[in-house]
Amino acid sequence: MYAYLGRSDVLDMVDATAPCRPPMLSRHRFRSLIRLAAAAACSIALGAPGHAAAPDGAGYSPAEQAALALLAPGEIANPTEVSVADAQAVVETNPRDADAWHQLGESLQVAGDLQGAVEAYRKATRLPPEDIGRAYLHRDLAEALEQTGDLEGALAAARVSVRTWPVSSQELFCMGAEVMLLTRLLVENHDAKGAAAFFRPLAEAADAPQDCRTIAEALRAAAQ
């Protein structure tokens, strides 16, 4: 559901001549970790001491902050225009439709009702989908859980998303949303070693872009 920032995009968010502060929200909602990424990059750029605040209140090392800045999600990609009321009406008509519950989850998430979105996504994962692969259902559940601050629950859902890959003939790609999400959640749960081990083989693929190698190096540093 979300786009991802490249290394240059994250650094461009920081004005090295201005006080460190979270970026302003655009017309589309930015995820909470965008603010964390900007704070982390700002701290690194200015040599400021201390840790950026983690979603669960714990601190991250400077190396973990740098890795999270590279893994931070961007603004919503193609946010749904289906209203909560319309999505709810479809669910009431088709209560066994996983795709309808997923749509309701998206609508609630865009509307800012994260707990409602989590409940809808959970319902979707328990039903047989027709159009949306299970990997996507668990991925979007993981993203919503991450937004609520439930990092352990988000990590569990992200693991299921990756385990149920590939979808059709697709293979995991180092810059894919599922890969970036699981890698980020491993770091957020203070398992940088696990994140590095998971991400490194994908970054070493022949067709992997340089951004993947940059992330892999940041994860290696965070794991030390």
Foldseek 3Di string as FASTA:
>chain_A
DFAADFPVRLLVQEDQVDDQFFDDADPFGFFPLSRLLSNLSNCVSNVPDDARQALQRDGADSLLSPLSNRLGTGGHDCQDPDALVNLVVVCVVPVQELVSLQVNLSNCVRVPNLVSSLVSLVSSLVHDYDPDDNLVSLQSNLSSCVRVSNLVSSLVSLVVSQVSDDDPPDDDALNDSSLSSNLNSCSSVVNLVVSLVSQVVRCPDPPHDVSSVVSSVSSVVSND
